[in-house]
PDB file of N, CA and C in Angstrom:
ATOM      1  N   UNK A   1      33.320 -47.556-159.913  1.00  0.00           N
ATOM      2  CA  UNK A   1      33.174 -47.254-161.337  1.00  0.00           C
ATOM      3  C   UNK A   1      34.222 -46.244-161.442  1.00  0.00           C
ATOM      4  N   UNK A   2      34.697 -46.357-162.751  1.00  0.00           N
ATOM      5  CA  UNK A   2      35.889 -44.935-163.366  1.00  0.00           C
ATOM      6  C   UNK A   2      35.724 -45.248-164.692  1.00  0.00           C
ATOM      7  N   UNK A   3      35.730 -44.054-165.264  1.00  0.00           N
ATOM      8  CA  UNK A   3      36.138 -43.908-166.347  1.00  0.00           C
ATOM      9  C   UNK A   3      37.079 -42.632-166.650  1.00  0.00           C
ATOM     10  N   UNK A   4      37.872 -43.141-167.769  1.00  0.00           N
ATOM     11  CA  UNK A   4      38.760 -41.916-168.457  1.00  0.00           C
ATOM     12  C   UNK A   4      38.871 -41.615-169.267  1.00  0.00           C
ATOM     13  N   UNK A   5      38.880 -40.696-169.752  1.00  0.00           N
ATOM     14  CA  UNK A   5      38.571 -39.956-171.343  1.00  0.00           C
ATOM     15  C   UNK A   5      39.609 -38.871-171.598  1.00  0.00           C
ATOM     16  N   UNK A   6      39.908 -39.383-172.648  1.00  0.00           N
ATOM     17  CA  UNK A   6      40.825 -38.035-173.698  1.00  0.00           C
ATOM     18  C   UNK A   6      40.312 -37.547-174.761  1.00  0.00           C
ATOM     19  N   UNK A   7      40.334 -36.289-174.925  1.00  0.00           N
ATOM     20  CA  UNK A   7      40.350 -35.676-176.409  1.00  0.00           C
ATOM     21  C   UNK A   7      41.068 -34.466-176.220  1.00  0.00           C
ATOM     22  N   UNK A   8      41.611 -34.786-178.041  1.00  0.00           N
ATOM     23  CA  UNK A   8      42.576 -33.289-178.354  1.00  0.00           C
ATOM     24  C   UNK A   8      41.959 -31.910-178.660  1.00  0.00           C
ATOM     25  N   UNK A   9      43.001 -30.966-177.874  1.00  0.00           N
ATOM     26  CA  UNK A   9      42.621 -29.908-178.093  1.00  0.00           C
ATOM     27  C   UNK A   9      43.336 -28.996-178.730  1.00  0.00           C
ATOM     28  N   UNK A  10      43.230 -27.629-178.832  1.00  0.00           N
ATOM     29  CA  UNK A  10      44.467 -26.730-179.308  1.00  0.00           C
ATOM     30  C   UNK A  10      45.832 -26.639-178.327  1.00  0.00           C
ATOM     31  N   UNK A  11      45.287 -27.030-177.052  1.00  0.00           N
ATOM     32  CA  UNK A  11      46.383 -26.914-176.692  1.00  0.00           C
ATOM     33  C   UNK A  11      47.370 -28.541-175.887  1.00  0.00           C
ATOM     34  N   UNK A  12      46.455 -29.366-176.706  1.00  0.00           N
ATOM     35  CA  UNK A  12      47.325 -30.721-176.585  1.00  0.00           C
ATOM     36  C   UNK A  12      46.305 -31.634-176.137  1.00  0.00           C
ATOM     37  N   UNK A  13      46.447 -32.746-175.525  1.00  0.00           N
ATOM     38  CA  UNK A  13      45.637 -33.839-175.286  1.00  0.00           C
ATOM     39  C   UNK A  13      44.860 -33.429-173.557  1.00  0.00           C
ATOM     40  N   UNK A  14      44.168 -33.525-173.627  1.00  0.00           N
ATOM     41  CA  UNK A  14      42.981 -32.885-171.982  1.00  0.00           C
ATOM     42  C   UNK A  14      42.419 -34.480-171.619  1.00  0.00           C
ATOM     43  N   UNK A  15      42.763 -35.083-170.607  1.00  0.00           N
ATOM     44  CA  UNK A  15      42.252 -36.157-169.819  1.00  0.00           C
ATOM     45  C   UNK A  15      41.463 -35.924-168.812  1.00  0.00           C
ATOM     46  N   UNK A  16      40.368 -36.660-168.288  1.00  0.00           N
ATOM     47  CA  UNK A  16      39.924 -36.570-167.234  1.00  0.00           C
ATOM     48  C   UNK A  16      39.367 -38.134-166.749  1.00  0.00           C
ATOM     49  N   UNK A  17      39.430 -38.254-165.513  1.00  0.00           N
ATOM     50  CA  UNK A  17      38.602 -39.303-164.712  1.00  0.00           C
ATOM     51  C   UNK A  17      37.244 -38.565-163.787  1.00  0.00           C
ATOM     52  N   UNK A  18      36.691 -39.919-163.848  1.00  0.00           N
ATOM     53  CA  UNK A  18      35.140 -39.552-163.213  1.00  0.00           C
ATOM     54  C   UNK A  18      34.923 -40.675-162.995  1.00  0.00           C
ATOM     55  N   UNK A  19      34.503 -40.826-161.604  1.00  0.00           N
ATOM     56  CA  UNK A  19      34.003 -42.002-160.634  1.00  0.00           C
ATOM     57  C   UNK A  19      33.290 -42.103-159.684  1.00  0.00           C
ATOM     58  N   UNK A  20      32.653 -43.096-159.485  1.00  0.00           N
ATOM     59  CA  UNK A  20      31.796 -43.312-158.433  1.00  0.00           C
ATOM     60  C   UNK A  20      31.664 -44.063-157.007  1.00  0.00           C
ATOM     61  N   UNK A  21      32.101 -43.776-156.061  1.00  0.00           N
ATOM     62  CA  UNK A  21      32.714 -44.611-154.897  1.00  0.00           C
ATOM     63  C   UNK A  21      31.604 -45.138-154.043  1.00  0.00           C
ATOM     64  N   UNK A  22      31.009 -46.562-153.544  1.00  0.00           N
ATOM     65  CA  UNK A  22      30.537 -46.501-152.603  1.00  0.00           C
ATOM     66  C   UNK A  22      31.133 -46.904-151.229  1.00  0.00           C
ATOM     67  N   UNK A  23      30.663 -46.215-149.994  1.00  0.00           N
ATOM     68  CA  UNK A  23      31.157 -46.051-149.032  1.00  0.00           C
ATOM     69  C   UNK A  23      30.113 -47.046-147.870  1.00  0.00           C
ATOM     70  N   UNK A  24      30.740 -47.781-147.070  1.00  0.00           N
ATOM     71  CA  UNK A  24      29.610 -48.453-146.556  1.00  0.00           C
ATOM     72  C   UNK A  24      30.162 -48.582-144.954  1.00  0.00           C
ATOM     73  N   UNK A  25      29.557 -48.293-144.141  1.00  0.00           N
ATOM     74  CA  UNK A  25      29.880 -48.075-142.520  1.00  0.00           C
ATOM     75  C   UNK A  25      29.083 -49.791-142.167  1.00  0.00           C
ATOM     76  N   UNK A  26      30.177 -50.486-141.761  1.00  0.00           N
ATOM     77  CA  UNK A  26      29.943 -52.009-141.553  1.00  0.00           C
ATOM     78  C   UNK A  26      29.875 -52.078-140.164  1.00  0.00           C
ATOM     79  N   UNK A  27      30.107 -50.835-139.590  1.00  0.00           N
ATOM     80  CA  UNK A  27      29.678 -50.758-137.735  1.00  0.00           C
ATOM     81  C   UNK A  27      28.791 -50.708-137.127  1.00  0.00           C
ATOM     82  N   UNK A  28      28.368 -50.727-135.843  1.00  0.00           N
ATOM     83  CA  UNK A  28      27.491 -50.432-135.242  1.00  0.00           C
ATOM     84  C   UNK A  28      27.007 -48.921-134.767  1.00  0.00           C
ATOM     85  N   UNK A  29      28.068 -48.096-135.104  1.00  0.00           N
ATOM     86  CA  UNK A  29      27.672 -46.643-134.981  1.00  0.00           C
ATOM     87  C   UNK A  29      27.794 -45.939-135.872  1.00  0.00           C
ATOM     88  N   UNK A  30      27.255 -44.606-135.702  1.00  0.00           N
ATOM     89  CA  UNK A  30      27.652 -43.862-137.045  1.00  0.00           C
ATOM     90  C   UNK A  30      28.908 -43.241-136.964  1.00  0.00           C
ATOM     91  N   UNK A  31      29.433 -43.343-138.202  1.00  0.00           N
ATOM     92  CA  UNK A  31      30.731 -42.888-138.159  1.00  0.00           C
ATOM     93  C   UNK A  31      30.855 -41.121-138.807  1.00  0.00           C
ATOM     94  N   UNK A  32      31.528 -40.009-138.235  1.00  0.00           N
ATOM     95  CA  UNK A  32      31.518 -39.096-138.575  1.00  0.00           C
ATOM     96  C   UNK A  32      32.054 -38.557-140.030  1.00  0.00           C
ATOM     97  N   UNK A  33      31.886 -37.323-140.342  1.00  0.00           N
ATOM     98  CA  UNK A  33      32.210 -37.200-141.682  1.00  0.00           C
ATOM     99  C   UNK A  33      33.782 -37.264-141.800  1.00  0.00           C
ATOM    100  N   UNK A  34      34.484 -37.732-142.711  1.00  0.00           N
ATOM    101  CA  UNK A  34      35.553 -38.215-142.905  1.00  0.00           C
ATOM    102  C   UNK A  34      35.988 -37.751-144.173  1.00  0.00           C
ATOM    103  N   UNK A  35      37.416 -37.962-144.623  1.00  0.00           N
ATOM    104  CA  UNK A  35      38.064 -37.621-146.116  1.00  0.00           C
ATOM    105  C   UNK A  35      38.202 -39.144-147.312  1.00  0.00           C
ATOM    106  N   UNK A  36      37.659 -38.627-148.379  1.00  0.00           N
ATOM    107  CA  UNK A  36      38.389 -39.835-149.372  1.00  0.00           C
ATOM    108  C   UNK A  36      39.097 -39.026-149.880  1.00  0.00           C
ATOM    109  N   UNK A  37      40.584 -39.457-150.374  1.00  0.00           N
ATOM    110  CA  UNK A  37      41.538 -39.202-150.915  1.00  0.00           C
ATOM    111  C   UNK A  37      41.743 -39.816-152.191  1.00  0.00           C
ATOM    112  N   UNK A  38      41.794 -39.425-153.659  1.00  0.00           N
ATOM    113  CA  UNK A  38      42.290 -40.393-154.437  1.00  0.00           C
ATOM    114  C   UNK A  38      43.618 -39.780-154.993  1.00  0.00           C
ATOM    115  N   UNK A  39      44.437 -40.758-155.247  1.00  0.00           N
ATOM    116  CA  UNK A  39      45.982 -40.857-155.856  1.00  0.00           C
ATOM    117  C   UNK A  39      45.851 -41.502-156.927  1.00  0.00           C
ATOM    118  N   UNK A  40      46.910 -41.023-157.841  1.00  0.00           N
ATOM    119  CA  UNK A  40      47.557 -41.737-158.669  1.00  0.00           C
ATOM    120  C   UNK A  40      48.672 -42.578-158.783  1.00  0.00           C
ATOM    121  N   UNK A  41      48.588 -43.872-158.891  1.00  0.00           N
ATOM    122  CA  UNK A  41      49.965 -44.715-158.777  1.00  0.00           C
ATOM    123  C   UNK A  41      50.281 -45.542-159.685  1.00  0.00           C
ATOM    124  N   UNK A  42      51.552 -45.806-160.235  1.00  0.00           N
ATOM    125  CA  UNK A  42      52.299 -46.303-161.155  1.00  0.00           C
ATOM    126  C   UNK A  42      51.929 -48.283-160.865  1.00  0.00           C
ATOM    127  N   UNK A  43      51.520 -48.506-159.510  1.00  0.00           N
ATOM    128  CA  UNK A  43      51.593 -49.545-159.332  1.00  0.00           C
ATOM    129  C   UNK A  43      50.523 -50.560-158.407  1.00  0.00           C
ATOM    130  N   UNK A  44      49.642 -49.632-158.165  1.00  0.00           N
ATOM    131  CA  UNK A  44      48.246 -49.874-157.660  1.00  0.00           C
ATOM    132  C   UNK A  44      48.683 -50.389-155.818  1.00  0.00           C
ATOM    133  N   UNK A  45      49.379 -49.727-155.540  1.00  0.00           N
ATOM    134  CA  UNK A  45      49.919 -49.761-153.736  1.00  0.00           C
ATOM    135  C   UNK A  45      50.026 -48.395-153.600  1.00  0.00           C
ATOM    136  N   UNK A  46      49.207 -47.713-152.372  1.00  0.00           N
ATOM    137  CA  UNK A  46      49.424 -46.142-151.806  1.00  0.00           C
ATOM    138  C   UNK A  46      50.508 -46.492-150.823  1.00  0.00           C
ATOM    139  N   UNK A  47      51.244 -45.072-151.349  1.00  0.00           N
ATOM    140  CA  UNK A  47      52.491 -44.912-150.357  1.00  0.00           C
ATOM    141  C   UNK A  47      52.133 -43.372-149.656  1.00  0.00           C
ATOM    142  N   UNK A  48      52.330 -43.679-148.262  1.00  0.00           N
ATOM    143  CA  UNK A  48      52.001 -42.340-147.672  1.00  0.00           C
ATOM    144  C   UNK A  48      53.075 -41.251-148.104  1.00  0.00           C
ATOM    145  N   UNK A  49      52.479 -39.848-148.145  1.00  0.00           N
ATOM    146  CA  UNK A  49      53.274 -38.909-148.422  1.00  0.00           C
ATOM    147  C   UNK A  49      53.226 -38.468-150.023  1.00  0.00           C
ATOM    148  N   UNK A  50      52.325 -39.352-150.528  1.00  0.00           N
ATOM    149  CA  UNK A  50      52.053 -39.292-151.949  1.00  0.00           C
ATOM    150  C   UNK A  50      50.949 -37.756-152.257  1.00  0.00           C
ATOM    151  N   UNK A  51      51.233 -36.779-152.867  1.00  0.00           N
ATOM    152  CA  UNK A  51      50.059 -36.031-152.905  1.00  0.00           C
ATOM    153  C   UNK A  51      48.559 -36.517-153.672  1.00  0.00           C
ATOM    154  N   UNK A  52      47.723 -35.915-153.225  1.00  0.00           N
ATOM    155  CA  UNK A  52      46.576 -36.671-153.480  1.00  0.00           C
ATOM    156  C   UNK A  52      45.543 -35.399-155.076  1.00  0.00           C
ATOM    157  N   UNK A  53      45.278 -36.379-155.649  1.00  0.00           N
ATOM    158  CA  UNK A  53      44.409 -35.904-156.985  1.00  0.00           C
ATOM    159  C   UNK A  53      43.381 -35.003-156.480  1.00  0.00           C
ATOM    160  N   UNK A  54      42.597 -35.511-155.925  1.00  0.00           N
ATOM    161  CA  UNK A  54      41.404 -34.988-155.074  1.00  0.00           C
ATOM    162  C   UNK A  54      41.446 -35.202-153.695  1.00  0.00           C
ATOM    163  N   UNK A  55      40.133 -34.717-152.803  1.00  0.00           N
ATOM    164  CA  UNK A  55      39.903 -35.260-151.822  1.00  0.00           C
ATOM    165  C   UNK A  55      38.375 -34.682-151.536  1.00  0.00           C
ATOM    166  N   UNK A  56      37.346 -35.433-151.325  1.00  0.00           N
ATOM    167  CA  UNK A  56      36.084 -35.796-151.216  1.00  0.00           C
ATOM    168  C   UNK A  56      35.615 -35.763-149.835  1.00  0.00           C
ATOM    169  N   UNK A  57      34.467 -35.181-149.152  1.00  0.00           N
ATOM    170  CA  UNK A  57      34.031 -35.295-148.162  1.00  0.00           C
ATOM    171  C   UNK A  57      33.296 -36.700-147.391  1.00  0.00           C
ATOM    172  N   UNK A  58      33.342 -37.280-147.221  1.00  0.00           N
ATOM    173  CA  UNK A  58      31.951 -38.522-146.865  1.00  0.00           C
ATOM    174  C   UNK A  58      30.760 -37.924-146.180  1.00  0.00           C
ATOM    175  N   UNK A  59      30.650 -36.972-145.530  1.00  0.00           N
ATOM    176  CA  UNK A  59      29.484 -36.853-144.334  1.00  0.00           C
ATOM    177  C   UNK A  59      29.445 -37.648-143.695  1.00  0.00           C
ATOM    178  N   UNK A  60      28.610 -37.504-142.422  1.00  0.00           N
ATOM    179  CA  UNK A  60      28.220 -38.730-141.831  1.00  0.00           C
ATOM    180  C   UNK A  60      27.834 -39.958-142.682  1.00  0.00           C
ATOM    181  N   UNK A  61      28.420 -41.070-141.770  1.00  0.00           N
ATOM    182  CA  UNK A  61      27.568 -42.452-142.543  1.00  0.00           C
ATOM    183  C   UNK A  61      27.129 -43.006-141.476  1.00  0.00           C
ATOM    184  N   UNK A  62      25.939 -43.319-141.320  1.00  0.00           N
ATOM    185  CA  UNK A  62      24.930 -44.080-140.566  1.00  0.00           C
ATOM    186  C   UNK A  62      25.259 -45.708-140.447  1.00  0.00           C
ATOM    187  N   UNK A  63      25.208 -46.263-139.227  1.00  0.00           N
ATOM    188  CA  UNK A  63      25.565 -47.438-138.924  1.00  0.00           C
ATOM    189  C   UNK A  63      25.027 -48.276-139.916  1.00  0.00           C
ATOM    190  N   UNK A  64      25.437 -49.275-140.651  1.00  0.00           N
ATOM    191  CA  UNK A  64      24.870 -50.354-141.602  1.00  0.00           C
ATOM    192  C   UNK A  64      24.420 -49.840-142.606  1.00  0.00           C
ATOM    193  N   UNK A  65      25.076 -48.561-143.054  1.00  0.00           N
ATOM    194  CA  UNK A  65      24.373 -47.563-144.351  1.00  0.00           C
ATOM    195  C   UNK A  65      25.355 -47.574-145.200  1.00  0.00           C
ATOM    196  N   UNK A  66      25.167 -46.671-146.258  1.00  0.00           N
ATOM    197  CA  UNK A  66      26.070 -46.660-147.553  1.00  0.00           C
ATOM    198  C   UNK A  66      25.837 -45.561-148.187  1.00  0.00           C
ATOM    199  N   UNK A  67      26.931 -44.582-148.612  1.00  0.00           N
ATOM    200  CA  UNK A  67      26.891 -43.809-149.062  1.00  0.00           C
ATOM    201  C   UNK A  67      27.755 -43.741-150.703  1.00  0.00           C
ATOM    202  N   UNK A  68      27.191 -42.874-151.792  1.00  0.00           N
ATOM    203  CA  UNK A  68      27.826 -43.236-152.878  1.00  0.00           C
ATOM    204  C   UNK A  68      28.632 -41.695-153.076  1.00  0.00           C
ATOM    205  N   UNK A  69      29.898 -41.559-153.064  1.00  0.00           N
ATOM    206  CA  UNK A  69      30.414 -39.800-153.696  1.00  0.00           C
ATOM    207  C   UNK A  69      30.975 -40.365-155.113  1.00  0.00           C
ATOM    208  N   UNK A  70      30.464 -39.014-155.799  1.00  0.00           N
ATOM    209  CA  UNK A  70      31.256 -38.757-157.163  1.00  0.00           C
ATOM    210  C   UNK A  70      32.371 -38.261-156.991  1.00  0.00           C
ATOM    211  N   UNK A  71      33.146 -38.254-158.181  1.00  0.00           N
ATOM    212  CA  UNK A  71      34.808 -37.196-157.989  1.00  0.00           C
ATOM    213  C   UNK A  71      34.994 -37.156-159.697  1.00  0.00           C
ATOM    214  N   UNK A  72      35.509 -36.065-159.784  1.00  0.00           N
ATOM    215  CA  UNK A  72      36.388 -36.061-161.170  1.00  0.00           C
ATOM    216  C   UNK A  72      37.551 -35.263-160.978  1.00  0.00           C
ATOM    217  N   UNK A  73      38.206 -35.495-161.604  1.00  0.00           N
ATOM    218  CA  UNK A  73      39.645 -34.953-162.100  1.00  0.00           C
ATOM    219  C   UNK A  73      40.032 -34.355-163.068  1.00  0.00           C
ATOM    220  N   UNK A  74      40.642 -33.479-163.736  1.00  0.00           N
ATOM    221  CA  UNK A  74      40.929 -32.986-165.057  1.00  0.00           C
ATOM    222  C   UNK A  74      42.250 -33.048-164.646  1.00  0.00           C
ATOM    223  N   UNK A  75      43.060 -33.554-165.653  1.00  0.00           N
ATOM    224  CA  UNK A  75      44.642 -33.839-165.755  1.00  0.00           C
ATOM    225  C   UNK A  75      44.977 -32.442-166.461  1.00  0.00           C
ATOM    226  N   UNK A  76      46.290 -31.632-165.990  1.00  0.00           N
ATOM    227  CA  UNK A  76      46.851 -30.977-166.837  1.00  0.00           C
ATOM    228  C   UNK A  76      47.245 -30.826-167.953  1.00  0.00           C
ATOM    229  N   UNK A  77      46.880 -30.159-169.265  1.00  0.00           N
ATOM    230  CA  UNK A  77      47.170 -30.737-170.491  1.00  0.00           C
ATOM    231  C   UNK A  77      48.525 -31.315-170.746  1.00  0.00           C
ATOM    232  N   UNK A  78      48.585 -32.571-171.259  1.00  0.00           N
ATOM    233  CA  UNK A  78      49.486 -33.192-171.603  1.00  0.00           C
ATOM    234  C   UNK A  78      49.215 -34.634-170.816  1.00  0.00           C
ATOM    235  N   UNK A  79      48.877 -34.466-169.546  1.00  0.00           N
ATOM    236  CA  UNK A  79      49.001 -35.303-168.611  1.00  0.00           C
ATOM    237  C   UNK A  79      47.570 -36.292-168.757  1.00  0.00           C
ATOM    238  N   UNK A  80      48.043 -37.884-168.362  1.00  0.00           N
ATOM    239  CA  UNK A  80      46.909 -39.108-168.569  1.00  0.00           C
ATOM    240  C   UNK A  80      47.139 -39.613-167.485  1.00  0.00           C
ATOM    241  N   UNK A  81      46.155 -40.449-167.010  1.00  0.00           N
ATOM    242  CA  UNK A  81      45.891 -41.603-165.758  1.00  0.00           C
ATOM    243  C   UNK A  81      46.631 -42.883-167.045  1.00  0.00           C
ATOM    244  N   UNK A  82      46.593 -43.093-167.947  1.00  0.00           N
ATOM    245  CA  UNK A  82      46.922 -44.332-168.658  1.00  0.00           C
ATOM    246  C   UNK A  82      48.257 -44.928-168.505  1.00  0.00           C
ATOM    247  N   UNK A  83      47.752 -46.504-168.344  1.00  0.00           N
ATOM    248  CA  UNK A  83      48.958 -47.278-167.352  1.00  0.00           C
ATOM    249  C   UNK A  83      49.051 -47.445-165.732  1.00  0.00           C
ATOM    250  N   UNK A  84      48.356 -46.368-165.284  1.00  0.00           N
ATOM    251  CA  UNK A  84      48.384 -45.651-163.875  1.00  0.00           C
ATOM    252  C   UNK A  84      46.919 -46.619-163.293  1.00  0.00           C
ATOM    253  N   UNK A  85      47.151 -46.478-161.952  1.00  0.00           N
ATOM    254  CA  UNK A  85      45.970 -46.918-160.863  1.00  0.00           C
ATOM    255  C   UNK A  85      45.885 -45.636-160.189  1.00  0.00           C
ATOM    256  N   UNK A  86      44.099 -45.605-160.118  1.00  0.00           N
ATOM    257  CA  UNK A  86      43.735 -44.374-158.784  1.00  0.00           C
ATOM    258  C   UNK A  86      42.952 -45.524-157.783  1.00  0.00           C
ATOM    259  N   UNK A  87      43.893 -44.781-156.869  1.00  0.00           N
ATOM    260  CA  UNK A  87      43.615 -45.481-155.210  1.00  0.00           C
ATOM    261  C   UNK A  87      42.565 -44.282-154.106  1.00  0.00           C
ATOM    262  N   UNK A  88      41.456 -44.597-153.782  1.00  0.00           N
ATOM    263  CA  UNK A  88      40.766 -44.315-153.084  1.00  0.00           C
ATOM    264  C   UNK A  88      40.946 -44.516-151.534  1.00  0.00           C
ATOM    265  N   UNK A  89      41.448 -43.563-150.968  1.00  0.00           N
ATOM    266  CA  UNK A  89      41.601 -43.830-149.571  1.00  0.00           C
ATOM    267  C   UNK A  89      40.746 -43.436-148.485  1.00  0.00           C
ATOM    268  N   UNK A  90      40.063 -44.196-148.006  1.00  0.00           N
ATOM    269  CA  UNK A  90      39.317 -43.706-147.002  1.00  0.00           C
ATOM    270  C   UNK A  90      39.454 -43.126-145.512  1.00  0.00           C
ATOM    271  N   UNK A  91      39.586 -41.836-144.924  1.00  0.00           N
ATOM    272  CA  UNK A  91      40.146 -41.532-143.579  1.00  0.00           C
ATOM    273  C   UNK A  91      41.321 -42.299-143.736  1.00  0.00           C
ATOM    274  N   UNK A  92      42.324 -41.509-144.633  1.00  0.00           N
ATOM    275  CA  UNK A  92      43.639 -41.537-144.455  1.00  0.00           C
ATOM    276  C   UNK A  92      44.069 -40.931-143.207  1.00  0.00           C
ATOM    277  N   UNK A  93      43.490 -40.315-142.566  1.00  0.00           N
ATOM    278  CA  UNK A  93      44.108 -39.311-141.163  1.00  0.00           C
ATOM    279  C   UNK A  93      43.913 -40.473-139.907  1.00  0.00           C
ATOM    280  N   UNK A  94      43.034 -41.397-140.125  1.00  0.00           N
ATOM    281  CA  UNK A  94      42.332 -42.219-139.103  1.00  0.00           C
ATOM    282  C   UNK A  94      41.424 -41.431-137.904  1.00  0.00           C
ATOM    283  N   UNK A  95      41.073 -40.803-138.245  1.00  0.00           N
ATOM    284  CA  UNK A  95      40.414 -39.833-137.563  1.00  0.00           C
ATOM    285  C   UNK A  95      39.066 -40.491-136.820  1.00  0.00           C
ATOM    286  N   UNK A  96      38.646 -41.440-137.541  1.00  0.00           N
ATOM    287  CA  UNK A  96      37.090 -42.321-137.246  1.00  0.00           C
ATOM    288  C   UNK A  96      37.546 -43.937-136.443  1.00  0.00           C
ATOM    289  N   UNK A  97      37.526 -43.883-135.423  1.00  0.00           N
ATOM    290  CA  UNK A  97      38.100 -45.083-134.487  1.00  0.00           C
ATOM    291  C   UNK A  97      37.120 -46.575-135.168  1.00  0.00           C
ATOM    292  N   UNK A  98      37.793 -47.443-135.806  1.00  0.00           N
ATOM    293  CA  UNK A  98      37.673 -48.394-136.355  1.00  0.00           C
ATOM    294  C   UNK A  98      38.069 -49.657-135.645  1.00  0.00           C
ATOM    295  N   UNK A  99      37.324 -51.051-135.838  1.00  0.00           N
ATOM    296  CA  UNK A  99      38.226 -52.209-135.463  1.00  0.00           C
ATOM    297  C   UNK A  99      39.258 -52.738-136.398  1.00  0.00           C
ATOM    298  N   UNK A 100      38.742 -52.246-137.648  1.00  0.00           N
ATOM    299  CA  UNK A 100      39.870 -52.485-138.538  1.00  0.00           C
ATOM    300  C   UNK A 100      40.156 -51.638-139.706  1.00  0.00           C
ATOM    301  N   UNK A 101      41.599 -51.017-139.526  1.00  0.00           N
ATOM    302  CA  UNK A 101      41.833 -50.284-140.545  1.00  0.00           C
ATOM    303  C   UNK A 101      42.153 -50.463-142.098  1.00  0.00           C
ATOM    304  N   UNK A 102      41.985 -51.979-141.985  1.00  0.00           N
ATOM    305  CA  UNK A 102      42.403 -52.438-143.458  1.00  0.00           C
ATOM    306  C   UNK A 102      41.558 -52.638-144.674  1.00  0.00           C
ATOM    307  N   UNK A 103      40.414 -52.312-144.460  1.00  0.00           N
ATOM    308  CA  UNK A 103      39.398 -52.078-145.416  1.00  0.00           C
ATOM    309  C   UNK A 103      38.939 -50.792-146.079  1.00  0.00           C
ATOM    310  N   UNK A 104      40.152 -49.769-145.894  1.00  0.00           N
ATOM    311  CA  UNK A 104      39.860 -48.801-146.270  1.00  0.00           C
ATOM    312  C   UNK A 104      40.330 -48.007-147.450  1.00  0.00           C
ATOM    313  N   UNK A 105      40.799 -48.923-148.263  1.00  0.00           N
ATOM    314  CA  UNK A 105      41.833 -48.393-149.581  1.00  0.00           C
ATOM    315  C   UNK A 105      40.821 -49.479-151.117  1.00  0.00           C
ATOM    316  N   UNK A 106      40.389 -48.582-152.045  1.00  0.00           N
ATOM    317  CA  UNK A 106      39.989 -49.035-153.093  1.00  0.00           C
ATOM    318  C   UNK A 106      40.653 -48.528-154.203  1.00  0.00           C
ATOM    319  N   UNK A 107      41.111 -49.888-155.241  1.00  0.00           N
ATOM    320  CA  UNK A 107      42.057 -49.586-156.317  1.00  0.00           C
ATOM    321  C   UNK A 107      41.016 -49.793-157.547  1.00  0.00           C
ATOM    322  N   UNK A 108      41.284 -48.940-158.689  1.00  0.00           N
ATOM    323  CA  UNK A 108      40.738 -48.531-159.765  1.00  0.00           C
ATOM    324  C   UNK A 108      41.612 -48.909-161.137  1.00  0.00           C
ATOM    325  N   UNK A 109      41.816 -49.812-161.606  1.00  0.00           N
ATOM    326  CA  UNK A 109      42.660 -49.897-162.277  1.00  0.00           C
ATOM    327  C   UNK A 109      43.524 -51.021-162.818  1.00  0.00           C
ATOM    328  N   UNK A 110      44.549 -51.238-163.664  1.00  0.00           N
ATOM    329  CA  UNK A 110      44.987 -50.008-164.258  1.00  0.00           C
ATOM    330  C   UNK A 110      44.302 -49.508-165.414  1.00  0.00           C
ATOM    331  N   UNK A 111      44.430 -48.385-165.926  1.00  0.00           N
ATOM    332  CA  UNK A 111      43.629 -47.506-166.473  1.00  0.00           C
ATOM    333  C   UNK A 111      44.089 -47.428-168.121  1.00  0.00           C
ATOM    334  N   UNK A 112      43.315 -47.560-169.057  1.00  0.00           N
ATOM    335  CA  UNK A 112      43.748 -47.840-170.647  1.00  0.00           C
ATOM    336  C   UNK A 112      43.124 -47.292-171.213  1.00  0.00           C
TER     337      UNK A 112
END
């Protein structure tokens, strides 16, 4: 889930995104701690080399189990996520050996 809230302040528009991401280990071995990185994208496509808004450690995820991670990001005054997508990339450094690296990206949006 993802929410995008904005409010007017004396310094201008102040916007924040908050969300929850459920991470599931579909494998048969425990997955060591990895990173989830969150990116802002105009087209919903993750492009390597883009700076992450934020990163969150997953902690160990036991085989067949899930974890929910929360995240918050406050934009600099005047910036907003409107019209963009937020992309979560789990294990973007490929530090966890997996049978499929194709299920590690989640896209939220577009945000309005």
